Amino acid sequence: MRDSGNRPALFARSLRTVKRAIAAAFAAVIATLLVGAAGASADTSTGFVLRITCGSETATIVSQTSPAAVGQDLSSTRVFVVAVGALFAPERFPAEKVMLCDFENLTTGSSFEDFPFLITGAP
């Protein structure tokens, strides 16, 4: 039983290892949050400008520069979310939560009809 004399040192080393692992995990979480927040923001000066028409209501929104499924309304705090899953399986989405809208990409000139968008605040 010669190892019994080394237990305090072994415990101190393992405690330091655990502390380092926790500090590294915390730093990784903070870095992920910072990078994710920076990558998720829409830049109104370099993004796509879209005009969305849902029924009789029209809104002008901006999305980030790469193709995005989300856009921010320029005249309010509304966010438009494309229901990508409803494109492939519309029967799996409740009709009261999805609205078909037409949209035109004012930056590129392309347009699409009957594109599904999620309605925020719907029951």
Protein backbone atom coordinates (compact mmCIF):
# COMPACT_ATOMS: atom_id res chain seq x y z
CA MET A 1 0.00 0.00 0.00
CA ARG A 2 2.65 2.48 -0.97
CA ASP A 3 0.16 4.48 -3.09
CA SER A 4 -1.77 5.65 -0.03
CA GLY A 5 0.86 8.28 0.63
CA ASN A 6 0.37 9.80 -2.84
CA ARG A 7 -3.39 10.22 -2.66
CA PRO A 8 -3.42 13.89 -1.67
CA ALA A 9 -1.13 14.75 -4.59
CA LEU A 10 -3.18 12.62 -6.96
CA PHE A 11 -6.39 14.30 -5.77
CA ALA A 12 -4.85 17.77 -6.24
CA ARG A 13 -3.74 16.89 -9.80
CA SER A 14 -7.14 15.50 -10.73
CA LEU A 15 -8.86 18.57 -9.25
CA ARG A 16 -6.63 20.84 -11.37
CA THR A 17 -7.50 18.77 -14.45
CA VAL A 18 -11.22 19.09 -13.74
CA LYS A 19 -10.88 22.85 -13.22
CA ARG A 20 -9.01 23.20 -16.53
CA ALA A 21 -11.66 21.16 -18.35
CA ILE A 22 -14.46 23.32 -16.90
CA ALA A 23 -12.61 26.53 -17.83
CA ALA A 24 -12.02 25.26 -21.39
CA ALA A 25 -15.67 24.24 -21.76
CA PHE A 26 -16.81 27.66 -20.48
CA ALA A 27 -14.50 29.44 -22.95
CA ALA A 28 -15.81 27.27 -25.80
CA VAL A 29 -19.42 28.10 -24.91
CA ILE A 30 -18.69 31.84 -24.78
CA ALA A 31 -16.83 31.74 -28.11
CA THR A 32 -19.69 29.79 -29.73
CA LEU A 33 -22.25 32.32 -28.49
CA LEU A 34 -20.21 35.27 -29.74
CA VAL A 35 -19.59 33.75 -33.17
CA GLY A 36 -23.21 32.59 -33.47
CA ALA A 37 -24.60 36.01 -32.61
CA ALA A 38 -22.32 37.70 -35.11
CA GLY A 39 -23.20 35.23 -37.87
CA ALA A 40 -26.96 35.46 -37.29
CA SER A 41 -27.31 39.20 -37.66
CA ALA A 42 -28.76 40.67 -40.84
CA ASP A 43 -26.83 43.55 -42.38
CA THR A 44 -29.24 45.93 -44.07
CA SER A 45 -26.48 47.43 -46.23
CA THR A 46 -25.26 44.16 -47.81
CA GLY A 47 -28.23 41.78 -47.52
CA PHE A 48 -31.02 40.84 -49.89
CA VAL A 49 -34.03 43.13 -49.94
CA LEU A 50 -37.32 41.24 -50.44
CA ARG A 51 -40.91 42.32 -50.93
CA ILE A 52 -43.37 39.83 -49.43
CA THR A 53 -47.08 39.91 -50.21
CA CYS A 54 -49.36 37.84 -47.98
CA GLY A 55 -52.94 38.38 -49.06
CA SER A 56 -53.47 42.16 -49.10
CA GLU A 57 -50.51 42.96 -46.81
CA THR A 58 -47.09 43.79 -48.26
CA ALA A 59 -43.85 44.08 -46.32
CA THR A 60 -40.29 44.90 -47.32
CA ILE A 61 -37.75 42.78 -45.46
CA VAL A 62 -33.99 42.28 -45.45
CA SER A 63 -32.09 39.03 -45.00
CA GLN A 64 -28.42 38.25 -44.67
CA THR A 65 -26.23 38.04 -47.79
CA SER A 66 -26.31 34.26 -48.14
CA PRO A 67 -29.68 32.61 -48.83
CA ALA A 68 -31.60 32.70 -45.56
CA ALA A 69 -34.90 31.35 -44.32
CA VAL A 70 -35.45 34.40 -42.09
CA GLY A 71 -35.87 38.08 -42.84
CA GLN A 72 -36.43 41.21 -40.74
CA ASP A 73 -39.22 43.65 -41.65
CA LEU A 74 -37.69 47.09 -42.26
CA SER A 75 -40.71 49.01 -40.95
CA SER A 76 -41.41 46.99 -37.79
CA THR A 77 -39.99 44.35 -35.47
CA ARG A 78 -41.67 41.49 -37.35
CA VAL A 79 -39.59 38.56 -38.52
CA PHE A 80 -40.62 36.41 -41.47
CA VAL A 81 -39.64 32.74 -41.32
CA VAL A 82 -39.85 30.47 -44.36
CA ALA A 83 -41.50 27.16 -43.45
CA VAL A 84 -38.99 25.06 -45.37
CA GLY A 85 -40.52 21.81 -44.11
CA ALA A 86 -43.92 22.87 -45.46
CA LEU A 87 -42.43 22.95 -48.95
CA PHE A 88 -41.78 19.21 -48.80
CA ALA A 89 -44.53 18.01 -46.45
CA PRO A 90 -47.35 20.58 -46.26
CA GLU A 91 -49.73 18.07 -44.69
CA ARG A 92 -47.56 17.98 -41.55
CA PHE A 93 -48.06 21.70 -40.83
CA PRO A 94 -51.33 23.06 -39.39
CA ALA A 95 -53.03 25.35 -41.89
CA GLU A 96 -53.54 28.09 -39.25
CA LYS A 97 -49.76 28.37 -38.67
CA VAL A 98 -48.59 28.61 -42.28
CA MET A 99 -49.46 31.33 -44.78
CA LEU A 100 -48.69 31.14 -48.49
CA CYS A 101 -47.11 34.38 -49.66
CA ASP A 102 -45.58 35.71 -52.85
CA PHE A 103 -42.17 37.29 -52.62
CA GLU A 104 -39.85 39.17 -54.92
CA ASN A 105 -36.13 39.50 -54.37
CA LEU A 106 -35.58 43.19 -55.14
CA THR A 107 -31.81 42.68 -55.14
CA THR A 108 -31.70 39.95 -57.80
CA GLY A 109 -35.06 40.48 -59.51
CA SER A 110 -36.25 36.89 -59.00
CA SER A 111 -39.74 36.17 -57.66
CA PHE A 112 -41.67 33.20 -56.27
CA GLU A 113 -45.36 32.53 -55.70
CA ASP A 114 -47.15 30.61 -52.94
CA PHE A 115 -44.14 30.26 -50.66
CA PRO A 116 -45.01 29.04 -47.10
CA PHE A 117 -44.19 31.35 -44.18
CA LEU A 118 -44.77 30.70 -40.49
CA ILE A 119 -47.20 33.09 -38.85
CA THR A 120 -45.77 34.27 -35.55
CA GLY A 121 -48.23 34.48 -32.69
CA ALA A 122 -50.66 32.01 -34.26
CA PRO A 123 -52.35 29.57 -31.85
